[in-house]
PDB file of all heavy atoms in Angstrom:
ATOM      1  N   VAL A   1     -75.560 126.773 142.876  1.00  0.00           N
ATOM      2  CA  VAL A   1     -74.588 127.576 143.652  1.00  0.00           C
ATOM      3  C   VAL A   1     -74.224 128.851 142.855  1.00  0.00           C
ATOM      4  O   VAL A   1     -74.110 129.948 143.424  1.00  0.00           O
ATOM      5  CB  VAL A   1     -73.313 126.770 144.013  1.00  0.00           C
ATOM      6  CG1 VAL A   1     -72.233 127.627 144.553  1.00  0.00           C
ATOM      7  CG2 VAL A   1     -73.686 125.645 144.935  1.00  0.00           C
ATOM      8  N   GLY A   2     -74.128 128.755 141.529  1.00  0.00           N
ATOM      9  CA  GLY A   2     -73.889 129.921 140.689  1.00  0.00           C
ATOM     10  C   GLY A   2     -74.965 130.991 140.863  1.00  0.00           C
ATOM     11  O   GLY A   2     -74.688 132.141 140.961  1.00  0.00           O
ATOM     12  N   GLN A   3     -76.194 130.541 140.862  1.00  0.00           N
ATOM     13  CA  GLN A   3     -77.322 131.466 141.057  1.00  0.00           C
ATOM     14  C   GLN A   3     -77.260 132.119 142.434  1.00  0.00           C
ATOM     15  O   GLN A   3     -77.518 133.367 142.575  1.00  0.00           O
ATOM     16  CB  GLN A   3     -78.700 130.721 140.917  1.00  0.00           C
ATOM     17  CG  GLN A   3     -78.992 130.292 139.527  1.00  0.00           C
ATOM     18  CD  GLN A   3     -79.304 131.476 138.599  1.00  0.00           C
ATOM     19  OE1 GLN A   3     -79.714 132.534 139.082  1.00  0.00           O
ATOM     20  NE2 GLN A   3     -79.131 131.250 137.325  1.00  0.00           N
ATOM     21  N   LEU A   4     -76.944 131.334 143.433  1.00  0.00           N
ATOM     22  CA  LEU A   4     -76.830 131.929 144.782  1.00  0.00           C
ATOM     23  C   LEU A   4     -75.708 132.920 144.891  1.00  0.00           C
ATOM     24  O   LEU A   4     -75.824 133.953 145.507  1.00  0.00           O
ATOM     25  CB  LEU A   4     -76.697 130.793 145.819  1.00  0.00           C
ATOM     26  CG  LEU A   4     -77.872 129.899 146.002  1.00  0.00           C
ATOM     27  CD1 LEU A   4     -77.529 128.687 146.859  1.00  0.00           C
ATOM     28  CD2 LEU A   4     -79.049 130.629 146.594  1.00  0.00           C
ATOM     29  N   ARG A   5     -74.572 132.562 144.255  1.00  0.00           N
ATOM     30  CA  ARG A   5     -73.422 133.480 144.258  1.00  0.00           C
ATOM     31  C   ARG A   5     -73.812 134.828 143.645  1.00  0.00           C
ATOM     32  O   ARG A   5     -73.430 135.886 144.157  1.00  0.00           O
ATOM     33  CB  ARG A   5     -72.275 132.882 143.444  1.00  0.00           C
ATOM     34  CG  ARG A   5     -71.361 132.029 144.233  1.00  0.00           C
ATOM     35  CD  ARG A   5     -70.143 131.713 143.408  1.00  0.00           C
ATOM     36  NE  ARG A   5     -69.499 130.550 143.955  1.00  0.00           N
ATOM     37  CZ  ARG A   5     -69.336 129.410 143.306  1.00  0.00           C
ATOM     38  NH1 ARG A   5     -69.727 129.299 142.064  1.00  0.00           N
ATOM     39  NH2 ARG A   5     -68.723 128.413 143.859  1.00  0.00           N
ATOM     40  N   ARG A   6     -74.438 134.799 142.477  1.00  0.00           N
ATOM     41  CA  ARG A   6     -74.802 136.052 141.767  1.00  0.00           C
ATOM     42  C   ARG A   6     -75.636 136.936 142.671  1.00  0.00           C
ATOM     43  O   ARG A   6     -75.446 138.154 142.612  1.00  0.00           O
ATOM     44  CB  ARG A   6     -75.555 135.719 140.472  1.00  0.00           C
ATOM     45  CG  ARG A   6     -74.614 135.418 139.339  1.00  0.00           C
ATOM     46  CD  ARG A   6     -75.363 135.242 138.033  1.00  0.00           C
ATOM     47  NE  ARG A   6     -74.685 134.175 137.342  1.00  0.00           N
ATOM     48  CZ  ARG A   6     -75.217 132.974 137.175  1.00  0.00           C
ATOM     49  NH1 ARG A   6     -76.435 132.707 137.531  1.00  0.00           N
ATOM     50  NH2 ARG A   6     -74.516 132.024 136.556  1.00  0.00           N
ATOM     51  N   GLY A   7     -76.528 136.382 143.456  1.00  0.00           N
ATOM     52  CA  GLY A   7     -77.339 137.195 144.287  1.00  0.00           C
ATOM     53  C   GLY A   7     -76.641 137.833 145.450  1.00  0.00           C
ATOM     54  O   GLY A   7     -77.044 138.858 145.987  1.00  0.00           O
ATOM     55  N   ALA A   8     -75.544 137.182 145.907  1.00  0.00           N
ATOM     56  CA  ALA A   8     -74.863 137.608 147.100  1.00  0.00           C
ATOM     57  C   ALA A   8     -73.500 138.279 146.862  1.00  0.00           C
ATOM     58  O   ALA A   8     -72.911 138.827 147.771  1.00  0.00           O
ATOM     59  CB  ALA A   8     -74.656 136.418 148.064  1.00  0.00           C
ATOM     60  N   LEU A   9     -73.032 138.229 145.628  1.00  0.00           N
ATOM     61  CA  LEU A   9     -71.681 138.713 145.323  1.00  0.00           C
ATOM     62  C   LEU A   9     -71.539 140.213 145.574  1.00  0.00           C
ATOM     63  O   LEU A   9     -70.567 140.662 146.196  1.00  0.00           O
ATOM     64  CB  LEU A   9     -71.289 138.401 143.919  1.00  0.00           C
ATOM     65  CG  LEU A   9     -69.886 138.663 143.537  1.00  0.00           C
ATOM     66  CD1 LEU A   9     -68.912 137.913 144.468  1.00  0.00           C
ATOM     67  CD2 LEU A   9     -69.593 138.297 142.106  1.00  0.00           C
ATOM     68  N   GLU A  10     -72.473 141.027 145.152  1.00  0.00           N
ATOM     69  CA  GLU A  10     -72.330 142.496 145.313  1.00  0.00           C
ATOM     70  C   GLU A  10     -72.202 142.860 146.797  1.00  0.00           C
ATOM     71  O   GLU A  10     -71.255 143.613 147.133  1.00  0.00           O
ATOM     72  CB  GLU A  10     -73.529 143.184 144.682  1.00  0.00           C
ATOM     73  CG  GLU A  10     -73.465 144.646 144.739  1.00  0.00           C
ATOM     74  CD  GLU A  10     -74.630 145.357 144.067  1.00  0.00           C
ATOM     75  OE1 GLU A  10     -74.869 145.057 142.860  1.00  0.00           O
ATOM     76  OE2 GLU A  10     -75.308 146.145 144.706  1.00  0.00           O
ATOM     77  N   PRO A  11     -73.062 142.474 147.679  1.00  0.00           N
ATOM     78  CA  PRO A  11     -72.840 142.820 149.054  1.00  0.00           C
ATOM     79  C   PRO A  11     -71.597 142.228 149.682  1.00  0.00           C
ATOM     80  O   PRO A  11     -71.014 142.836 150.565  1.00  0.00           O
ATOM     81  CB  PRO A  11     -74.086 142.317 149.816  1.00  0.00           C
ATOM     82  CG  PRO A  11     -74.837 141.474 148.829  1.00  0.00           C
ATOM     83  CD  PRO A  11     -74.347 141.755 147.478  1.00  0.00           C
ATOM     84  N   CYS A  12     -71.178 141.052 149.212  1.00  0.00           N
ATOM     85  CA  CYS A  12     -69.874 140.473 149.696  1.00  0.00           C
ATOM     86  C   CYS A  12     -68.688 141.326 149.281  1.00  0.00           C
ATOM     87  O   CYS A  12     -67.800 141.542 150.026  1.00  0.00           O
ATOM     88  CB  CYS A  12     -69.772 139.044 149.238  1.00  0.00           C
ATOM     89  SG  CYS A  12     -70.884 137.898 150.028  1.00  0.00           S
ATOM     90  N   VAL A  13     -68.766 141.829 148.036  1.00  0.00           N
ATOM     91  CA  VAL A  13     -67.704 142.765 147.566  1.00  0.00           C
ATOM     92  C   VAL A  13     -67.699 143.994 148.455  1.00  0.00           C
ATOM     93  O   VAL A  13     -66.595 144.428 148.908  1.00  0.00           O
ATOM     94  CB  VAL A  13     -67.902 143.089 146.088  1.00  0.00           C
ATOM     95  CG1 VAL A  13     -67.063 144.299 145.682  1.00  0.00           C
ATOM     96  CG2 VAL A  13     -67.615 141.867 145.213  1.00  0.00           C
ATOM     97  N   LEU A  14     -68.839 144.557 148.711  1.00  0.00           N
ATOM     98  CA  LEU A  14     -68.895 145.776 149.523  1.00  0.00           C
ATOM     99  C   LEU A  14     -68.348 145.449 150.975  1.00  0.00           C
ATOM    100  O   LEU A  14     -67.657 146.274 151.535  1.00  0.00           O
ATOM    101  CB  LEU A  14     -70.353 146.314 149.663  1.00  0.00           C
ATOM    102  CG  LEU A  14     -70.877 146.975 148.404  1.00  0.00           C
ATOM    103  CD1 LEU A  14     -72.351 147.277 148.562  1.00  0.00           C
ATOM    104  CD2 LEU A  14     -70.073 148.206 148.047  1.00  0.00           C
ATOM    105  N   ALA A  15     -68.656 144.304 151.505  1.00  0.00           N
ATOM    106  CA  ALA A  15     -68.181 143.953 152.844  1.00  0.00           C
ATOM    107  C   ALA A  15     -66.695 143.836 152.892  1.00  0.00           C
ATOM    108  O   ALA A  15     -66.084 144.282 153.849  1.00  0.00           O
ATOM    109  CB  ALA A  15     -68.858 142.611 153.278  1.00  0.00           C
ATOM    110  N   VAL A  16     -66.077 143.248 151.883  1.00  0.00           N
ATOM    111  CA  VAL A  16     -64.615 143.127 151.908  1.00  0.00           C
ATOM    112  C   VAL A  16     -64.001 144.493 151.755  1.00  0.00           C
ATOM    113  O   VAL A  16     -63.023 144.830 152.452  1.00  0.00           O
ATOM    114  CB  VAL A  16     -64.169 142.196 150.734  1.00  0.00           C
ATOM    115  CG1 VAL A  16     -62.636 142.252 150.557  1.00  0.00           C
ATOM    116  CG2 VAL A  16     -64.616 140.753 150.984  1.00  0.00           C
ATOM    117  N   ILE A  17     -64.529 145.330 150.855  1.00  0.00           N
ATOM    118  CA  ILE A  17     -63.953 146.673 150.699  1.00  0.00           C
ATOM    119  C   ILE A  17     -64.191 147.560 151.948  1.00  0.00           C
ATOM    120  O   ILE A  17     -63.364 148.383 152.278  1.00  0.00           O
ATOM    121  CB  ILE A  17     -64.613 147.355 149.436  1.00  0.00           C
ATOM    122  CG1 ILE A  17     -64.144 146.559 148.195  1.00  0.00           C
ATOM    123  CG2 ILE A  17     -64.183 148.825 149.349  1.00  0.00           C
ATOM    124  CD1 ILE A  17     -64.905 147.038 146.932  1.00  0.00           C
ATOM    125  N   ALA A  18     -65.294 147.284 152.655  1.00  0.00           N
ATOM    126  CA  ALA A  18     -65.579 148.031 153.898  1.00  0.00           C
ATOM    127  C   ALA A  18     -64.553 147.764 154.964  1.00  0.00           C
ATOM    128  O   ALA A  18     -64.232 148.636 155.799  1.00  0.00           O
ATOM    129  CB  ALA A  18     -66.967 147.739 154.408  1.00  0.00           C
ATOM    130  N   GLN A  19     -63.986 146.551 154.994  1.00  0.00           N
ATOM    131  CA  GLN A  19     -62.970 146.199 155.959  1.00  0.00           C
ATOM    132  C   GLN A  19     -61.698 146.998 155.765  1.00  0.00           C
ATOM    133  O   GLN A  19     -61.078 147.473 156.698  1.00  0.00           O
ATOM    134  CB  GLN A  19     -62.651 144.718 155.893  1.00  0.00           C
ATOM    135  CG  GLN A  19     -63.843 143.873 156.373  1.00  0.00           C
ATOM    136  CD  GLN A  19     -63.542 142.379 156.136  1.00  0.00           C
ATOM    137  OE1 GLN A  19     -62.475 141.953 155.735  1.00  0.00           O
ATOM    138  NE2 GLN A  19     -64.557 141.528 156.376  1.00  0.00           N
ATOM    139  N   GLN A  20     -61.312 147.149 154.491  1.00  0.00           N
ATOM    140  CA  GLN A  20     -60.179 147.999 154.134  1.00  0.00           C
ATOM    141  C   GLN A  20     -60.173 148.184 152.594  1.00  0.00           C
ATOM    142  O   GLN A  20     -60.591 147.323 151.850  1.00  0.00           O
ATOM    143  CB  GLN A  20     -58.830 147.358 154.579  1.00  0.00           C
ATOM    144  CG  GLN A  20     -58.452 146.133 153.792  1.00  0.00           C
ATOM    145  CD  GLN A  20     -57.097 145.563 154.295  1.00  0.00           C
ATOM    146  OE1 GLN A  20     -56.707 145.801 155.407  1.00  0.00           O
ATOM    147  NE2 GLN A  20     -56.458 144.870 153.428  1.00  0.00           N
ATOM    148  N   PRO A  21     -59.692 149.360 152.150  1.00  0.00           N
ATOM    149  CA  PRO A  21     -59.647 149.565 150.721  1.00  0.00           C
ATOM    150  C   PRO A  21     -58.737 148.478 150.089  1.00  0.00           C
ATOM    151  O   PRO A  21     -57.744 148.048 150.731  1.00  0.00           O
ATOM    152  CB  PRO A  21     -58.957 150.936 150.606  1.00  0.00           C
ATOM    153  CG  PRO A  21     -59.290 151.602 151.872  1.00  0.00           C
ATOM    154  CD  PRO A  21     -59.284 150.512 152.942  1.00  0.00           C
ATOM    155  N   THR A  22     -59.119 147.989 148.914  1.00  0.00           N
ATOM    156  CA  THR A  22     -58.416 146.934 148.320  1.00  0.00           C
ATOM    157  C   THR A  22     -58.412 147.086 146.801  1.00  0.00           C
ATOM    158  O   THR A  22     -59.222 147.815 146.273  1.00  0.00           O
ATOM    159  CB  THR A  22     -58.987 145.537 148.712  1.00  0.00           C
ATOM    160  OG1 THR A  22     -58.227 144.507 148.205  1.00  0.00           O
ATOM    161  CG2 THR A  22     -60.430 145.411 148.229  1.00  0.00           C
ATOM    162  N   TYR A  23     -57.475 146.464 146.099  1.00  0.00           N
ATOM    163  CA  TYR A  23     -57.410 146.506 144.660  1.00  0.00           C
ATOM    164  C   TYR A  23     -58.057 145.228 144.109  1.00  0.00           C
ATOM    165  O   TYR A  23     -58.267 144.255 144.779  1.00  0.00           O
ATOM    166  CB  TYR A  23     -55.967 146.723 144.162  1.00  0.00           C
ATOM    167  CG  TYR A  23     -54.980 145.650 144.530  1.00  0.00           C
ATOM    168  CD1 TYR A  23     -54.694 144.662 143.595  1.00  0.00           C
ATOM    169  CD2 TYR A  23     -54.386 145.623 145.771  1.00  0.00           C
ATOM    170  CE1 TYR A  23     -53.760 143.659 143.926  1.00  0.00           C
ATOM    171  CE2 TYR A  23     -53.457 144.639 146.059  1.00  0.00           C
ATOM    172  CZ  TYR A  23     -53.126 143.697 145.148  1.00  0.00           C
ATOM    173  OH  TYR A  23     -52.293 142.691 145.470  1.00  0.00           O
ATOM    174  N   GLY A  24     -58.362 145.249 142.830  1.00  0.00           N
ATOM    175  CA  GLY A  24     -59.165 144.245 142.165  1.00  0.00           C
ATOM    176  C   GLY A  24     -58.633 142.822 142.312  1.00  0.00           C
ATOM    177  O   GLY A  24     -59.380 141.912 142.707  1.00  0.00           O
ATOM    178  N   LEU A  25     -57.346 142.605 142.052  1.00  0.00           N
ATOM    179  CA  LEU A  25     -56.820 141.248 142.114  1.00  0.00           C
ATOM    180  C   LEU A  25     -56.856 140.692 143.529  1.00  0.00           C
ATOM    181  O   LEU A  25     -57.169 139.531 143.771  1.00  0.00           O
ATOM    182  CB  LEU A  25     -55.367 141.224 141.568  1.00  0.00           C
ATOM    183  CG  LEU A  25     -54.723 139.825 141.465  1.00  0.00           C
ATOM    184  CD1 LEU A  25     -55.576 138.901 140.595  1.00  0.00           C
ATOM    185  CD2 LEU A  25     -53.284 139.970 140.946  1.00  0.00           C
ATOM    186  N   ASP A  26     -56.513 141.543 144.513  1.00  0.00           N
ATOM    187  CA  ASP A  26     -56.611 141.071 145.881  1.00  0.00           C
ATOM    188  C   ASP A  26     -58.027 140.767 146.325  1.00  0.00           C
ATOM    189  O   ASP A  26     -58.263 139.802 147.037  1.00  0.00           O
ATOM    190  CB  ASP A  26     -55.987 142.193 146.824  1.00  0.00           C
ATOM    191  CG  ASP A  26     -55.672 141.699 148.195  1.00  0.00           C
ATOM    192  OD1 ASP A  26     -55.276 140.499 148.274  1.00  0.00           O
ATOM    193  OD2 ASP A  26     -55.733 142.461 149.152  1.00  0.00           O
ATOM    194  N   LEU A  27     -58.950 141.574 145.844  1.00  0.00           N
ATOM    195  CA  LEU A  27     -60.370 141.334 146.130  1.00  0.00           C
ATOM    196  C   LEU A  27     -60.832 140.016 145.459  1.00  0.00           C
ATOM    197  O   LEU A  27     -61.481 139.185 146.116  1.00  0.00           O
ATOM    198  CB  LEU A  27     -61.190 142.487 145.546  1.00  0.00           C
ATOM    199  CG  LEU A  27     -62.712 142.459 145.762  1.00  0.00           C
ATOM    200  CD1 LEU A  27     -63.069 142.396 147.241  1.00  0.00           C
ATOM    201  CD2 LEU A  27     -63.316 143.653 145.108  1.00  0.00           C
ATOM    202  N   ALA A  28     -60.368 139.743 144.264  1.00  0.00           N
ATOM    203  CA  ALA A  28     -60.683 138.499 143.550  1.00  0.00           C
ATOM    204  C   ALA A  28     -60.132 137.286 144.362  1.00  0.00           C
ATOM    205  O   ALA A  28     -60.774 136.249 144.528  1.00  0.00           O
ATOM    206  CB  ALA A  28     -60.119 138.488 142.147  1.00  0.00           C
ATOM    207  N   ARG A  29     -58.903 137.412 144.829  1.00  0.00           N
ATOM    208  CA  ARG A  29     -58.283 136.326 145.609  1.00  0.00           C
ATOM    209  C   ARG A  29     -59.120 136.040 146.897  1.00  0.00           C
ATOM    210  O   ARG A  29     -59.375 134.904 147.224  1.00  0.00           O
ATOM    211  CB  ARG A  29     -56.879 136.658 145.932  1.00  0.00           C
ATOM    212  CG  ARG A  29     -55.918 136.468 144.825  1.00  0.00           C
ATOM    213  CD  ARG A  29     -54.500 136.769 145.291  1.00  0.00           C
ATOM    214  NE  ARG A  29     -53.594 136.892 144.146  1.00  0.00           N
ATOM    215  CZ  ARG A  29     -52.678 137.809 144.007  1.00  0.00           C
ATOM    216  NH1 ARG A  29     -52.482 138.736 144.919  1.00  0.00           N
ATOM    217  NH2 ARG A  29     -51.909 137.866 142.927  1.00  0.00           N
ATOM    218  N   THR A  30     -59.447 137.123 147.582  1.00  0.00           N
ATOM    219  CA  THR A  30     -60.192 136.941 148.806  1.00  0.00           C
ATOM    220  C   THR A  30     -61.506 136.277 148.576  1.00  0.00           C
ATOM    221  O   THR A  30     -61.872 135.297 149.285  1.00  0.00           O
ATOM    222  CB  THR A  30     -60.432 138.333 149.488  1.00  0.00           C
ATOM    223  OG1 THR A  30     -59.184 138.943 149.739  1.00  0.00           O
ATOM    224  CG2 THR A  30     -61.217 138.180 150.770  1.00  0.00           C
ATOM    225  N   LEU A  31     -62.253 136.698 147.607  1.00  0.00           N
ATOM    226  CA  LEU A  31     -63.551 136.122 147.290  1.00  0.00           C
ATOM    227  C   LEU A  31     -63.420 134.705 146.766  1.00  0.00           C
ATOM    228  O   LEU A  31     -64.262 133.841 147.084  1.00  0.00           O
ATOM    229  CB  LEU A  31     -64.323 136.984 146.322  1.00  0.00           C
ATOM    230  CG  LEU A  31     -64.704 138.403 146.814  1.00  0.00           C
ATOM    231  CD1 LEU A  31     -65.206 139.260 145.685  1.00  0.00           C
ATOM    232  CD2 LEU A  31     -65.700 138.326 147.917  1.00  0.00           C
ATOM    233  N   SER A  32     -62.416 134.433 145.994  1.00  0.00           N
ATOM    234  CA  SER A  32     -62.198 133.055 145.469  1.00  0.00           C
ATOM    235  C   SER A  32     -61.844 132.073 146.608  1.00  0.00           C
ATOM    236  O   SER A  32     -62.330 130.953 146.614  1.00  0.00           O
ATOM    237  CB  SER A  32     -61.062 133.090 144.435  1.00  0.00           C
ATOM    238  OG  SER A  32     -61.444 133.771 143.293  1.00  0.00           O
ATOM    239  N   GLU A  33     -60.975 132.534 147.494  1.00  0.00           N
ATOM    240  CA  GLU A  33     -60.650 131.684 148.639  1.00  0.00           C
ATOM    241  C   GLU A  33     -61.820 131.293 149.460  1.00  0.00           C
ATOM    242  O   GLU A  33     -61.877 130.233 150.077  1.00  0.00           O
ATOM    243  CB  GLU A  33     -59.605 132.379 149.499  1.00  0.00           C
ATOM    244  CG  GLU A  33     -58.248 132.484 148.918  1.00  0.00           C
ATOM    245  CD  GLU A  33     -57.311 133.423 149.687  1.00  0.00           C
ATOM    246  OE1 GLU A  33     -57.717 133.958 150.705  1.00  0.00           O
ATOM    247  OE2 GLU A  33     -56.133 133.592 149.246  1.00  0.00           O
ATOM    248  N   ARG A  34     -62.821 132.180 149.500  1.00  0.00           N
ATOM    249  CA  ARG A  34     -64.007 131.896 150.302  1.00  0.00           C
ATOM    250  C   ARG A  34     -65.145 131.268 149.499  1.00  0.00           C
ATOM    251  O   ARG A  34     -66.285 131.066 149.980  1.00  0.00           O
ATOM    252  CB  ARG A  34     -64.540 133.200 150.915  1.00  0.00           C
ATOM    253  CG  ARG A  34     -63.464 133.761 151.890  1.00  0.00           C
ATOM    254  CD  ARG A  34     -63.839 135.043 152.477  1.00  0.00           C
ATOM    255  NE  ARG A  34     -62.750 135.483 153.355  1.00  0.00           N
ATOM    256  CZ  ARG A  34     -62.609 136.727 153.836  1.00  0.00           C
ATOM    257  NH1 ARG A  34     -63.547 137.595 153.502  1.00  0.00           N
ATOM    258  NH2 ARG A  34     -61.628 137.021 154.604  1.00  0.00           N
ATOM    259  N   GLY A  35     -64.813 130.884 148.258  1.00  0.00           N
ATOM    260  CA  GLY A  35     -65.797 130.171 147.444  1.00  0.00           C
ATOM    261  C   GLY A  35     -66.895 131.053 146.828  1.00  0.00           C
ATOM    262  O   GLY A  35     -67.916 130.541 146.417  1.00  0.00           O
ATOM    263  N   LEU A  36     -66.689 132.355 146.740  1.00  0.00           N
ATOM    264  CA  LEU A  36     -67.681 133.277 146.267  1.00  0.00           C
ATOM    265  C   LEU A  36     -67.475 133.744 144.858  1.00  0.00           C
ATOM    266  O   LEU A  36     -68.340 134.376 144.271  1.00  0.00           O
ATOM    267  CB  LEU A  36     -67.789 134.504 147.236  1.00  0.00           C
ATOM    268  CG  LEU A  36     -68.276 134.152 148.623  1.00  0.00           C
ATOM    269  CD1 LEU A  36     -68.048 135.349 149.512  1.00  0.00           C
ATOM    270  CD2 LEU A  36     -69.719 133.714 148.595  1.00  0.00           C
ATOM    271  N   LEU A  37     -66.340 133.437 144.278  1.00  0.00           N
ATOM    272  CA  LEU A  37     -66.021 133.980 142.939  1.00  0.00           C
ATOM    273  C   LEU A  37     -65.365 132.869 142.123  1.00  0.00           C
ATOM    274  O   LEU A  37     -64.415 132.286 142.547  1.00  0.00           O
ATOM    275  CB  LEU A  37     -65.046 135.165 143.034  1.00  0.00           C
ATOM    276  CG  LEU A  37     -64.739 135.943 141.794  1.00  0.00           C
ATOM    277  CD1 LEU A  37     -66.023 136.665 141.259  1.00  0.00           C
ATOM    278  CD2 LEU A  37     -63.649 136.935 142.001  1.00  0.00           C
ATOM    279  N   GLU A  38     -65.970 132.637 140.934  1.00  0.00           N
ATOM    280  CA  GLU A  38     -65.410 131.611 140.046  1.00  0.00           C
ATOM    281  C   GLU A  38     -64.358 132.210 139.141  1.00  0.00           C
ATOM    282  O   GLU A  38     -63.378 131.570 138.814  1.00  0.00           O
ATOM    283  CB  GLU A  38     -66.500 130.995 139.205  1.00  0.00           C
ATOM    284  CG  GLU A  38     -67.360 130.051 139.995  1.00  0.00           C
ATOM    285  CD  GLU A  38     -66.606 128.753 140.386  1.00  0.00           C
ATOM    286  OE1 GLU A  38     -65.972 128.172 139.486  1.00  0.00           O
ATOM    287  OE2 GLU A  38     -66.687 128.353 141.522  1.00  0.00           O
ATOM    288  N   SER A  39     -64.598 133.463 138.647  1.00  0.00           N
ATOM    289  CA  SER A  39     -63.654 134.053 137.715  1.00  0.00           C
ATOM    290  C   SER A  39     -63.620 135.545 137.886  1.00  0.00           C
ATOM    291  O   SER A  39     -64.615 136.157 138.269  1.00  0.00           O
ATOM    292  CB  SER A  39     -64.001 133.699 136.248  1.00  0.00           C
ATOM    293  OG  SER A  39     -64.883 134.589 135.718  1.00  0.00           O
ATOM    294  N   GLU A  40     -62.465 136.140 137.569  1.00  0.00           N
ATOM    295  CA  GLU A  40     -62.324 137.566 137.693  1.00  0.00           C
ATOM    296  C   GLU A  40     -63.248 138.290 136.652  1.00  0.00           C
ATOM    297  O   GLU A  40     -63.546 139.473 136.819  1.00  0.00           O
ATOM    298  CB  GLU A  40     -60.872 137.975 137.407  1.00  0.00           C
ATOM    299  CG  GLU A  40     -59.902 137.557 138.490  1.00  0.00           C
ATOM    300  CD  GLU A  40     -58.496 137.908 138.115  1.00  0.00           C
ATOM    301  OE1 GLU A  40     -58.282 138.991 137.508  1.00  0.00           O
ATOM    302  OE2 GLU A  40     -57.637 137.088 138.432  1.00  0.00           O
ATOM    303  N   GLY A  41     -63.621 137.611 135.651  1.00  0.00           N
ATOM    304  CA  GLY A  41     -64.450 138.179 134.553  1.00  0.00           C
ATOM    305  C   GLY A  41     -65.797 138.722 135.053  1.00  0.00           C
ATOM    306  O   GLY A  41     -66.341 139.589 134.474  1.00  0.00           O
ATOM    307  N   THR A  42     -66.290 138.180 136.174  1.00  0.00           N
ATOM    308  CA  THR A  42     -67.520 138.732 136.749  1.00  0.00           C
ATOM    309  C   THR A  42     -67.268 139.855 137.748  1.00  0.00           C
ATOM    310  O   THR A  42     -68.181 140.631 137.963  1.00  0.00           O
ATOM    311  CB  THR A  42     -68.347 137.585 137.440  1.00  0.00           C
ATOM    312  OG1 THR A  42     -67.528 137.018 138.439  1.00  0.00           O
ATOM    313  CG2 THR A  42     -68.778 136.501 136.462  1.00  0.00           C
ATOM    314  N   LEU A  43     -66.082 139.905 138.276  1.00  0.00           N
ATOM    315  CA  LEU A  43     -65.796 140.884 139.305  1.00  0.00           C
ATOM    316  C   LEU A  43     -65.669 142.324 138.726  1.00  0.00           C
ATOM    317  O   LEU A  43     -66.255 143.228 139.297  1.00  0.00           O
ATOM    318  CB  LEU A  43     -64.535 140.520 140.063  1.00  0.00           C
ATOM    319  CG  LEU A  43     -64.107 141.501 141.142  1.00  0.00           C
ATOM    320  CD1 LEU A  43     -65.149 141.574 142.224  1.00  0.00           C
ATOM    321  CD2 LEU A  43     -62.724 141.068 141.724  1.00  0.00           C
ATOM    322  N   TYR A  44     -64.887 142.516 137.702  1.00  0.00           N
ATOM    323  CA  TYR A  44     -64.580 143.857 137.237  1.00  0.00           C
ATOM    324  C   TYR A  44     -65.870 144.552 136.712  1.00  0.00           C
ATOM    325  O   TYR A  44     -66.027 145.750 136.965  1.00  0.00           O
ATOM    326  CB  TYR A  44     -63.452 143.845 136.222  1.00  0.00           C
ATOM    327  CG  TYR A  44     -62.133 143.548 136.976  1.00  0.00           C
ATOM    328  CD1 TYR A  44     -61.547 142.278 136.959  1.00  0.00           C
ATOM    329  CD2 TYR A  44     -61.509 144.488 137.757  1.00  0.00           C
ATOM    330  CE1 TYR A  44     -60.425 141.986 137.662  1.00  0.00           C
ATOM    331  CE2 TYR A  44     -60.371 144.298 138.478  1.00  0.00           C
ATOM    332  CZ  TYR A  44     -59.826 142.989 138.387  1.00  0.00           C
ATOM    333  OH  TYR A  44     -58.690 142.685 139.094  1.00  0.00           O
ATOM    334  N   PRO A  45     -66.739 143.908 135.941  1.00  0.00           N
ATOM    335  CA  PRO A  45     -67.990 144.589 135.596  1.00  0.00           C
ATOM    336  C   PRO A  45     -68.824 144.984 136.831  1.00  0.00           C
ATOM    337  O   PRO A  45     -69.451 146.014 136.851  1.00  0.00           O
ATOM    338  CB  PRO A  45     -68.753 143.583 134.692  1.00  0.00           C
ATOM    339  CG  PRO A  45     -67.633 142.703 134.144  1.00  0.00           C
ATOM    340  CD  PRO A  45     -66.590 142.629 135.249  1.00  0.00           C
TER     341      PRO A  45
END
């Protein structure tokens, strides 16, 4: 699942931001709630 997440995380981030501008912590919460993000440490880079 970690390998699959890594491959799909970038476009998922773009899709969330495309819906509306968002800040990092809110983006992390959204992705975590949907099971796409394990830690914020991968999001900010």
